[in-house]
Amino acid sequence: MAEATVDARVVDGGLRRVIGRKVLLLFVVGDILGAGIYALVGQVAGEVGGAVWLPFLVAFVLAALTATAYAELVGKYPQAAGAALYAHKAFGVPFVTFIVGFAVLMSGITSASTAARAFGGEYLAEFVSLPTLVGALGFLALVTLVNLAGISESIKVNVVLTLIEAFGLVVIMAIGVVALLAGDGDPARALEFHPAGGAFMGVLGGTALAFYALLGFEDSVNLAEEAREPRRDFPMALFGGLAVTVVIYTAVAFTATMLVDARTLEASTGPLLEVVDAAGLSFPPKLFALIALLAVGNTALINMIMASRLVYGMARQGVVPRVFGMVHPTRATPWVAILFTVGVAAVLVSTGDVGGLADTTVLLLLVVFALVNVCVLVLRRERVEHDHFRAPTWMPVLGAASCLFLALPVTGRDGEVYLRAAMLLGIGKGVWVLNRLLARRRRGTGRQVEAGADQGT
């Protein structure tokens, strides 16, 4: 009991270990379920036609390969910083460490920015008409306040929102069951392919889009320092979260195209609201729109938590200026990192749209996933004293290959997405150069102080 009390405290200015296995599982499930399924069903329908469930299923299978790599690495190194930490240990090249961490950081912020932009559209229009940018920035401000309040408070909000968004998806699945029993809808439509470039290319493009919803295990890894038993709890949370969400995603996608034609879904900014409107089951559209808004909000909250903890972890590793590692004395939250990440998000929200930001998120994350799969193989040479999960070798090998393939232009991704990703990484390179210059200046100042002290002696 005393040991648990010590775990829950802030040790040496660090973060509190307060997250248990069940809450961690809900965190992963909530992150995967959020804006992806509520906003992307229509986009995926545009790629494949009626069989929307198939790209989500393929994406989850490929994500599970990478999840095994994360499960092994977080068991070996239960610290914040995630992929950046693994790249640092595997290659020992400071710039590689930084650019990997920066790519993950940008993927989280672009994902949160996507959610903020998606906060408008048909879901919000059920209640009030506001300029998308105004609603998005106000939404980011609210998310920031929750994040600053503390990890315990943030996780509690996340748990509540996860339950709400899960309820919304249960409603969709219930609508599907009632429709099947009543003979409504067209189940055969959920098995049809109508992709412009053929079945294979349609599934490939849809799978690349579906990866937008799969940030859960990367986000949760960055909470390693705040988990009570990371070596034991993370593998169970990762694989359990994927198993739960794959069932929900495929059922919801099947129901959507069974009741609503693919073209209507593709054209809608609130595709699941179209399903509710088309259902014979009476469910208030406004209530479902509220659930959808909260689901989108949960995605943004989780990604902003992840991004701020990643910046904090990088600061602790000395990869970014130490100021980003400052922890609030009473709330025990990395407040400087939080303010920095929300500032970047505000710029992205003001300059990007939902589709472009979502595609950029996917591209950045696929490249990071490929590298993490390589890292787990490289780090097999480094032994640790404690027991941990070990992935079958073929899984990270196949995970790296599949992620690199999905990152290629063959998926039909627009060229502007690659340009945006390159610009974001270019900004990262600029930050890296600036940090190196500041470090040299600090070292030069230190040598001058030492020389002055020697002369005084």
Protein backbone atom coordinates (compact mmCIF):
# COMPACT_ATOMS: atom_id res chain seq x y z
CA MET A 1 0.00 0.00 0.00
CA ALA A 2 2.83 2.35 0.86
CA GLU A 3 4.54 1.55 -2.43
CA ALA A 4 1.39 2.49 -4.37
CA THR A 5 1.27 5.79 -2.49
CA VAL A 6 4.83 6.61 -3.52
CA ASP A 7 4.02 5.73 -7.16
CA ALA A 8 1.19 8.24 -7.19
CA ARG A 9 3.40 11.13 -6.14
CA VAL A 10 5.59 13.41 -8.19
CA VAL A 11 9.14 12.09 -7.92
CA ASP A 12 12.07 14.38 -8.75
CA GLY A 13 9.81 16.82 -10.58
CA GLY A 14 8.38 14.08 -12.79
CA LEU A 15 4.84 13.02 -13.59
CA ARG A 16 2.40 11.18 -11.33
CA ARG A 17 1.90 7.42 -11.87
CA VAL A 18 -1.88 7.39 -11.55
CA ILE A 19 -3.16 5.53 -14.63
CA GLY A 20 -4.34 1.96 -14.05
CA ARG A 21 -4.95 -0.83 -16.57
CA LYS A 22 -8.69 -0.28 -17.01
CA VAL A 23 -8.36 3.45 -17.52
CA LEU A 24 -5.49 2.90 -19.94
CA LEU A 25 -7.65 0.47 -21.93
CA LEU A 26 -10.43 3.07 -22.09
CA PHE A 27 -7.86 5.66 -23.18
CA VAL A 28 -6.77 3.49 -26.14
CA VAL A 29 -10.36 2.63 -27.08
CA GLY A 30 -11.44 6.26 -26.81
CA ASP A 31 -8.60 7.49 -28.97
CA ILE A 32 -9.28 4.95 -31.71
CA LEU A 33 -13.05 5.41 -31.67
CA GLY A 34 -13.14 9.21 -31.86
CA ALA A 35 -13.27 11.43 -34.91
CA GLY A 36 -12.14 8.66 -37.29
CA ILE A 37 -15.32 6.64 -37.36
CA TYR A 38 -17.63 9.63 -36.88
CA ALA A 39 -16.08 11.67 -39.68
CA LEU A 40 -14.28 9.32 -42.09
CA VAL A 41 -16.97 6.78 -42.99
CA GLY A 42 -18.06 8.97 -45.87
CA GLN A 43 -14.52 9.55 -47.12
CA VAL A 44 -13.77 5.83 -47.13
CA ALA A 45 -17.08 5.19 -48.90
CA GLY A 46 -15.82 7.44 -51.67
CA GLU A 47 -12.84 5.13 -52.13
CA VAL A 48 -14.53 1.72 -52.15
CA GLY A 49 -18.26 2.24 -52.53
CA GLY A 50 -20.41 0.07 -50.27
CA ALA A 51 -17.79 -2.17 -48.61
CA VAL A 52 -16.63 0.53 -46.19
CA TRP A 53 -15.95 -2.02 -43.46
CA LEU A 54 -13.16 -3.73 -45.43
CA PRO A 55 -10.57 -0.89 -45.42
CA PHE A 56 -11.14 -0.43 -41.67
CA LEU A 57 -10.59 -4.16 -41.12
CA VAL A 58 -7.40 -4.18 -43.21
CA ALA A 59 -6.13 -1.06 -41.43
CA PHE A 60 -6.64 -2.68 -38.04
CA VAL A 61 -4.80 -5.83 -39.09
CA LEU A 62 -1.83 -3.76 -40.24
CA ALA A 63 -2.01 -1.59 -37.12
CA ALA A 64 -1.88 -4.70 -34.94
CA LEU A 65 1.49 -5.55 -36.48
CA THR A 66 2.91 -2.22 -35.37
CA ALA A 67 1.18 -2.51 -31.99
CA THR A 68 3.31 -5.58 -31.23
CA ALA A 69 6.44 -3.47 -31.76
CA TYR A 70 5.15 -0.78 -29.41
CA ALA A 71 4.17 -3.38 -26.81
CA GLU A 72 7.70 -4.77 -26.76
CA LEU A 73 9.42 -1.40 -26.67
CA VAL A 74 7.25 0.16 -23.97
CA GLY A 75 7.85 -2.94 -21.83
CA LYS A 76 11.61 -2.51 -22.21
CA TYR A 77 11.62 1.28 -21.82
CA PRO A 78 8.57 2.50 -19.83
CA GLN A 79 9.25 6.21 -20.31
CA ALA A 80 7.58 9.15 -22.02
CA ALA A 81 8.69 10.17 -25.56
CA GLY A 82 7.63 6.98 -27.36
CA ALA A 83 9.01 6.66 -30.89
CA ALA A 84 11.61 9.37 -30.33
CA LEU A 85 13.01 7.47 -27.36
CA TYR A 86 13.15 4.23 -29.35
CA ALA A 87 14.91 5.91 -32.29
CA HIS A 88 17.41 7.43 -29.87
CA LYS A 89 18.22 4.08 -28.30
CA ALA A 90 18.31 2.22 -31.62
CA PHE A 91 20.44 4.63 -33.67
CA GLY A 92 21.98 7.14 -31.26
CA VAL A 93 21.82 9.92 -33.85
CA PRO A 94 20.47 13.09 -32.23
CA PHE A 95 18.93 14.50 -35.41
CA VAL A 96 17.11 11.24 -36.18
CA THR A 97 15.75 11.24 -32.63
CA PHE A 98 14.54 14.77 -33.00
CA ILE A 99 12.91 14.43 -36.41
CA VAL A 100 11.09 11.24 -35.37
CA GLY A 101 9.78 12.94 -32.26
CA PHE A 102 8.83 16.01 -34.25
CA ALA A 103 6.96 13.91 -36.82
CA VAL A 104 4.96 12.20 -34.06
CA LEU A 105 4.34 15.56 -32.45
CA MET A 106 3.05 17.01 -35.71
CA SER A 107 0.87 13.96 -36.37
CA GLY A 108 -0.80 14.42 -33.01
CA ILE A 109 -1.30 18.14 -33.47
CA THR A 110 -2.56 17.79 -37.04
CA SER A 111 -4.97 15.10 -35.82
CA ALA A 112 -6.27 17.39 -33.08
CA SER A 113 -6.52 20.21 -35.61
CA THR A 114 -8.49 17.94 -37.93
CA ALA A 115 -10.87 17.17 -35.08
CA ALA A 116 -11.20 20.87 -34.29
CA ARG A 117 -12.10 21.67 -37.90
CA ALA A 118 -14.50 18.70 -37.99
CA PHE A 119 -16.24 20.10 -34.93
CA GLY A 120 -18.26 22.20 -37.39
CA GLY A 121 -20.21 20.76 -40.29
CA GLU A 122 -23.54 19.01 -40.03
CA TYR A 123 -23.09 17.84 -36.43
CA LEU A 124 -22.64 21.38 -35.08
CA ALA A 125 -25.23 22.73 -37.51
CA GLU A 126 -27.89 20.79 -35.59
CA PHE A 127 -27.48 23.39 -32.82
CA VAL A 128 -25.95 26.62 -34.09
CA SER A 129 -24.36 28.14 -37.17
CA LEU A 130 -20.88 29.49 -36.47
CA PRO A 131 -17.87 30.19 -38.65
CA THR A 132 -15.81 26.99 -38.62
CA LEU A 133 -12.65 28.78 -37.52
CA VAL A 134 -14.35 30.48 -34.55
CA GLY A 135 -15.79 27.21 -33.33
CA ALA A 136 -12.49 25.39 -33.85
CA LEU A 137 -10.39 27.91 -31.92
CA GLY A 138 -12.89 28.07 -29.05
CA PHE A 139 -12.89 24.29 -28.99
CA LEU A 140 -9.07 24.21 -28.78
CA ALA A 141 -9.16 26.65 -25.88
CA LEU A 142 -11.50 24.37 -23.92
CA VAL A 143 -9.32 21.32 -24.62
CA THR A 144 -6.27 23.25 -23.39
CA LEU A 145 -7.94 24.13 -20.10
CA VAL A 146 -8.74 20.46 -19.45
CA ASN A 147 -5.17 19.45 -20.32
CA LEU A 148 -3.72 22.10 -17.99
CA ALA A 149 -5.92 20.96 -15.13
CA GLY A 150 -3.92 17.76 -14.69
CA ILE A 151 -3.55 14.25 -16.05
CA SER A 152 -6.03 12.78 -13.56
CA GLU A 153 -8.64 15.37 -14.52
CA SER A 154 -7.88 14.95 -18.24
CA ILE A 155 -8.17 11.16 -18.06
CA LYS A 156 -11.44 11.40 -16.13
CA VAL A 157 -12.87 13.65 -18.83
CA ASN A 158 -11.53 11.22 -21.42
CA VAL A 159 -13.24 8.27 -19.70
CA VAL A 160 -16.60 10.08 -19.67
CA LEU A 161 -16.28 11.10 -23.32
CA THR A 162 -15.18 7.58 -24.29
CA LEU A 163 -18.31 6.12 -22.74
CA ILE A 164 -20.46 8.71 -24.51
CA GLU A 165 -18.90 8.16 -27.93
CA ALA A 166 -19.07 4.39 -27.46
CA PHE A 167 -22.78 4.76 -26.66
CA GLY A 168 -23.26 6.65 -29.92
CA LEU A 169 -21.69 3.80 -31.86
CA VAL A 170 -23.79 1.27 -29.96
CA VAL A 171 -26.82 3.26 -31.15
CA ILE A 172 -25.63 2.86 -34.75
CA MET A 173 -25.11 -0.88 -34.26
CA ALA A 174 -28.56 -1.18 -32.66
CA ILE A 175 -30.00 0.63 -35.66
CA GLY A 176 -28.30 -1.96 -37.87
CA VAL A 177 -29.74 -4.90 -35.89
CA VAL A 178 -33.26 -3.45 -35.96
CA ALA A 179 -32.97 -2.78 -39.70
CA LEU A 180 -31.89 -6.36 -40.38
CA LEU A 181 -34.70 -7.82 -38.28
CA ALA A 182 -37.28 -5.55 -39.91
CA GLY A 183 -36.01 -6.21 -43.40
CA ASP A 184 -35.07 -2.56 -43.94
CA GLY A 185 -31.98 -1.35 -45.71
CA ASP A 186 -29.95 -3.30 -48.26
CA PRO A 187 -27.29 -5.61 -46.70
CA ALA A 188 -26.01 -6.54 -50.15
CA ARG A 189 -24.95 -2.91 -50.66
CA ALA A 190 -22.40 -3.30 -47.87
CA LEU A 191 -20.61 -5.91 -49.98
CA GLU A 192 -20.43 -3.91 -53.20
CA PHE A 193 -17.30 -2.30 -54.68
CA HIS A 194 -17.57 0.84 -56.78
CA PRO A 195 -14.02 2.26 -56.75
CA ALA A 196 -12.91 4.34 -59.70
CA GLY A 197 -9.48 2.72 -59.86
CA GLY A 198 -10.47 -0.91 -59.23
CA ALA A 199 -11.08 -2.98 -56.11
CA PHE A 200 -7.45 -3.27 -55.03
CA MET A 201 -6.68 0.43 -55.41
CA GLY A 202 -9.95 1.32 -53.71
CA VAL A 203 -9.18 -0.81 -50.66
CA LEU A 204 -5.62 0.54 -50.63
CA GLY A 205 -6.78 4.16 -50.67
CA GLY A 206 -9.51 3.47 -48.12
CA THR A 207 -7.05 1.71 -45.83
CA ALA A 208 -4.66 4.65 -45.97
CA LEU A 209 -7.53 6.94 -44.94
CA ALA A 210 -8.68 4.60 -42.17
CA PHE A 211 -5.28 4.89 -40.48
CA TYR A 212 -6.35 8.34 -39.31
CA ALA A 213 -8.33 6.62 -36.57
CA LEU A 214 -5.39 4.52 -35.33
CA LEU A 215 -3.39 6.88 -33.14
CA GLY A 216 -4.41 5.11 -29.94
CA PHE A 217 -1.37 3.00 -29.25
CA GLU A 218 1.11 5.76 -30.13
CA ASP A 219 -0.71 8.21 -27.87
CA SER A 220 -0.92 5.76 -24.97
CA VAL A 221 2.79 4.93 -25.17
CA ASN A 222 3.54 8.55 -24.36
CA LEU A 223 1.73 8.08 -21.03
CA ALA A 224 4.21 5.37 -19.95
CA GLU A 225 5.64 7.51 -17.15
CA GLU A 226 2.14 8.04 -15.75
CA ALA A 227 1.06 4.39 -15.80
CA ARG A 228 1.26 2.37 -12.57
CA GLU A 229 2.50 -0.89 -14.14
CA PRO A 230 3.49 -0.14 -17.75
CA ARG A 231 5.29 -3.45 -18.45
CA ARG A 232 2.23 -5.47 -17.47
CA ASP A 233 -0.61 -3.13 -18.43
CA PHE A 234 0.40 -1.73 -21.82
CA PRO A 235 0.31 -4.93 -23.92
CA MET A 236 -3.11 -5.81 -22.53
CA ALA A 237 -4.41 -2.28 -23.14
CA LEU A 238 -3.01 -2.09 -26.67
CA PHE A 239 -4.30 -5.42 -27.93
CA GLY A 240 -7.52 -5.24 -25.93
CA GLY A 241 -8.25 -1.77 -27.31
CA LEU A 242 -7.64 -2.90 -30.88
CA ALA A 243 -9.84 -5.98 -30.44
CA VAL A 244 -12.74 -3.94 -29.05
CA THR A 245 -12.55 -1.23 -31.68
CA VAL A 246 -12.21 -3.51 -34.70
CA VAL A 247 -15.54 -5.13 -33.84
CA ILE A 248 -17.22 -1.75 -33.38
CA TYR A 249 -15.72 -0.20 -36.54
CA THR A 250 -16.68 -3.02 -38.88
CA ALA A 251 -20.22 -3.22 -37.46
CA VAL A 252 -20.78 0.53 -37.73
CA ALA A 253 -19.35 0.68 -41.26
CA PHE A 254 -21.54 -2.23 -42.36
CA THR A 255 -24.64 -0.56 -40.89
CA ALA A 256 -23.84 2.79 -42.51
CA THR A 257 -23.70 1.48 -46.08
CA MET A 258 -26.57 -0.92 -45.51
CA LEU A 259 -28.89 2.01 -44.76
CA VAL A 260 -27.35 4.89 -46.73
CA ASP A 261 -25.88 4.80 -50.23
CA ALA A 262 -22.17 5.48 -50.62
CA ARG A 263 -22.59 8.73 -52.56
CA THR A 264 -24.73 10.27 -49.81
CA LEU A 265 -22.19 9.23 -47.18
CA GLU A 266 -19.31 10.64 -49.21
CA ALA A 267 -21.01 14.01 -49.64
CA SER A 268 -21.91 14.38 -45.95
CA THR A 269 -19.82 16.07 -43.25
CA GLY A 270 -21.84 14.14 -40.66
CA PRO A 271 -22.14 10.67 -42.22
CA LEU A 272 -23.42 8.84 -39.14
CA LEU A 273 -26.13 11.44 -38.72
CA GLU A 274 -27.34 10.36 -42.17
CA VAL A 275 -27.65 6.83 -40.78
CA VAL A 276 -29.72 8.02 -37.82
CA ASP A 277 -32.00 10.01 -40.14
CA ALA A 278 -32.50 6.99 -42.42
CA ALA A 279 -33.21 4.51 -39.61
CA GLY A 280 -36.59 3.19 -38.64
CA LEU A 281 -35.47 3.33 -34.99
CA SER A 282 -36.55 6.64 -33.50
CA PHE A 283 -33.49 8.40 -32.04
CA PRO A 284 -33.28 12.20 -31.66
CA PRO A 285 -30.88 13.56 -34.32
CA LYS A 286 -29.83 16.41 -32.04
CA LEU A 287 -28.84 13.98 -29.30
CA PHE A 288 -26.75 11.96 -31.73
CA ALA A 289 -25.16 15.14 -33.09
CA LEU A 290 -24.16 16.05 -29.53
CA ILE A 291 -22.63 12.61 -29.03
CA ALA A 292 -20.68 13.01 -32.28
CA LEU A 293 -19.37 16.43 -31.19
CA LEU A 294 -18.18 14.96 -27.89
CA ALA A 295 -16.50 12.09 -29.76
CA VAL A 296 -14.62 14.54 -31.96
CA GLY A 297 -13.70 16.50 -28.83
CA ASN A 298 -12.31 13.38 -27.21
CA THR A 299 -10.00 12.81 -30.18
CA ALA A 300 -8.62 16.31 -29.87
CA LEU A 301 -8.16 16.01 -26.09
CA ILE A 302 -6.26 12.73 -26.33
CA ASN A 303 -4.01 13.98 -29.11
CA MET A 304 -3.19 17.20 -27.29
CA ILE A 305 -2.38 15.22 -24.15
CA MET A 306 -0.08 13.03 -26.21
CA ALA A 307 1.60 15.95 -27.98
CA SER A 308 2.33 17.84 -24.78
CA ARG A 309 3.74 14.72 -23.08
CA LEU A 310 5.90 14.03 -26.10
CA VAL A 311 7.40 17.51 -26.01
CA TYR A 312 7.95 17.06 -22.26
CA GLY A 313 9.68 13.70 -22.84
CA MET A 314 11.90 15.16 -25.55
CA ALA A 315 12.91 17.98 -23.20
CA ARG A 316 13.82 15.43 -20.52
CA GLN A 317 16.03 13.70 -23.11
CA GLY A 318 17.71 17.02 -23.98
CA VAL A 319 16.45 16.93 -27.58
CA VAL A 320 14.52 20.22 -27.31
CA PRO A 321 15.14 23.20 -25.01
CA ARG A 322 14.83 22.34 -21.33
CA VAL A 323 12.11 24.91 -20.79
CA PHE A 324 9.62 22.50 -22.39
CA GLY A 325 10.24 20.08 -19.54
CA MET A 326 8.93 22.49 -16.90
CA VAL A 327 6.18 20.97 -14.75
CA HIS A 328 3.55 23.05 -12.95
CA PRO A 329 4.31 22.98 -9.21
CA THR A 330 0.76 22.22 -8.09
CA ARG A 331 -0.97 20.60 -11.08
CA ALA A 332 2.05 18.43 -12.08
CA THR A 333 1.37 19.08 -15.77
CA PRO A 334 3.96 20.09 -18.41
CA TRP A 335 2.43 23.52 -18.87
CA VAL A 336 5.03 25.01 -21.22
CA ALA A 337 4.74 22.02 -23.54
CA ILE A 338 0.95 22.32 -23.45
CA LEU A 339 1.00 26.00 -24.43
CA PHE A 340 3.47 25.32 -27.24
CA THR A 341 1.41 22.51 -28.77
CA VAL A 342 -1.85 24.44 -28.67
CA GLY A 343 -0.12 27.38 -30.36
CA VAL A 344 0.93 25.15 -33.25
CA ALA A 345 -2.57 23.67 -33.43
CA ALA A 346 -4.12 27.13 -33.63
CA VAL A 347 -1.97 27.96 -36.66
CA LEU A 348 -2.88 24.68 -38.39
CA VAL A 349 -6.59 25.14 -37.68
CA SER A 350 -6.42 28.64 -39.14
CA THR A 351 -4.68 27.55 -42.35
CA GLY A 352 -5.80 23.97 -43.14
CA ASP A 353 -8.96 21.99 -43.89
CA VAL A 354 -10.22 18.66 -42.57
CA GLY A 355 -9.19 16.51 -45.53
CA GLY A 356 -5.68 17.90 -45.90
CA LEU A 357 -4.90 17.78 -42.19
CA ALA A 358 -6.21 14.21 -41.85
CA ASP A 359 -4.13 12.99 -44.80
CA THR A 360 -1.04 14.72 -43.40
CA THR A 361 -1.60 13.02 -40.06
CA VAL A 362 -1.77 9.60 -41.71
CA LEU A 363 1.34 10.14 -43.83
CA LEU A 364 3.49 11.29 -40.91
CA LEU A 365 2.32 8.46 -38.71
CA LEU A 366 2.90 5.75 -41.31
CA VAL A 367 6.53 6.79 -41.67
CA VAL A 368 6.95 6.80 -37.88
CA PHE A 369 5.30 3.38 -37.58
CA ALA A 370 7.70 1.95 -40.16
CA LEU A 371 10.68 3.26 -38.19
CA VAL A 372 9.35 1.92 -34.88
CA ASN A 373 9.09 -1.54 -36.41
CA VAL A 374 12.73 -1.27 -37.47
CA CYS A 375 13.72 -0.02 -34.01
CA VAL A 376 12.29 -3.05 -32.24
CA LEU A 377 14.48 -5.31 -34.38
CA VAL A 378 17.61 -3.21 -33.89
CA LEU A 379 17.08 -3.07 -30.12
CA ARG A 380 16.92 -6.86 -29.79
CA ARG A 381 20.70 -6.59 -29.27
CA GLU A 382 20.08 -4.65 -26.03
CA ARG A 383 18.97 -6.75 -23.08
CA VAL A 384 17.10 -5.53 -20.01
CA GLU A 385 16.88 -7.23 -16.62
CA HIS A 386 13.10 -7.22 -16.28
CA ASP A 387 10.61 -9.39 -18.18
CA HIS A 388 8.58 -7.83 -20.99
CA PHE A 389 6.47 -8.69 -24.03
CA ARG A 390 8.41 -9.90 -27.09
CA ALA A 391 6.88 -9.65 -30.57
CA PRO A 392 7.32 -12.48 -33.10
CA THR A 393 10.02 -11.25 -35.48
CA TRP A 394 7.88 -11.57 -38.61
CA MET A 395 5.30 -9.12 -37.25
CA PRO A 396 7.48 -5.97 -37.05
CA VAL A 397 9.11 -6.93 -40.38
CA LEU A 398 5.74 -7.11 -42.09
CA GLY A 399 4.58 -4.03 -40.16
CA ALA A 400 7.48 -1.92 -41.48
CA ALA A 401 6.93 -3.06 -45.07
CA SER A 402 3.17 -2.44 -45.02
CA CYS A 403 3.51 1.03 -43.48
CA LEU A 404 6.09 2.11 -46.05
CA PHE A 405 3.88 0.82 -48.86
CA LEU A 406 0.83 2.70 -47.58
CA ALA A 407 2.91 5.89 -47.39
CA LEU A 408 3.63 5.79 -51.14
CA PRO A 409 1.71 7.95 -53.66
CA VAL A 410 0.28 4.73 -55.14
CA THR A 411 -2.53 5.01 -52.58
CA GLY A 412 -3.84 8.05 -54.47
CA ARG A 413 -2.78 10.59 -51.85
CA ASP A 414 -2.63 14.16 -53.20
CA GLY A 415 0.75 15.76 -53.82
CA GLU A 416 -0.11 18.70 -51.55
CA VAL A 417 -0.22 16.29 -48.60
CA TYR A 418 3.42 15.32 -49.19
CA LEU A 419 4.32 19.00 -49.56
CA ARG A 420 2.59 19.89 -46.28
CA ALA A 421 4.35 17.05 -44.46
CA ALA A 422 7.69 18.14 -45.92
CA MET A 423 7.09 21.71 -44.77
CA LEU A 424 6.26 20.58 -41.24
CA LEU A 425 9.41 18.47 -41.07
CA GLY A 426 11.33 21.41 -42.54
CA ILE A 427 10.12 23.52 -39.62
CA GLY A 428 11.38 20.77 -37.36
CA LYS A 429 14.80 20.95 -38.97
CA GLY A 430 14.82 24.70 -38.37
CA VAL A 431 13.98 24.18 -34.70
CA TRP A 432 16.77 21.61 -34.49
CA VAL A 433 19.34 24.03 -35.91
CA LEU A 434 18.18 26.77 -33.55
CA ASN A 435 18.43 24.47 -30.57
CA ARG A 436 21.98 23.47 -31.55
CA LEU A 437 23.00 27.12 -31.82
CA LEU A 438 21.54 27.88 -28.39
CA ALA A 439 23.33 24.86 -26.92
CA ARG A 440 26.66 26.05 -28.35
CA ARG A 441 26.06 29.51 -26.92
CA ARG A 442 25.35 28.01 -23.49
CA ARG A 443 28.53 25.96 -23.67
CA GLY A 444 30.51 29.03 -24.73
CA THR A 445 29.09 31.05 -21.85
CA GLY A 446 29.91 28.23 -19.44
CA ARG A 447 33.54 28.15 -20.59
CA GLN A 448 33.83 31.92 -20.14
CA VAL A 449 32.49 31.65 -16.60
CA GLU A 450 34.96 28.85 -15.78
CA ALA A 451 37.84 30.85 -17.23
CA GLY A 452 36.86 33.88 -15.17
CA ALA A 453 36.69 31.77 -12.05
CA ASP A 454 40.18 30.35 -12.74
CA GLN A 455 41.61 33.84 -13.19
CA GLY A 456 40.00 34.96 -9.96
CA THR A 457 41.59 32.04 -8.17
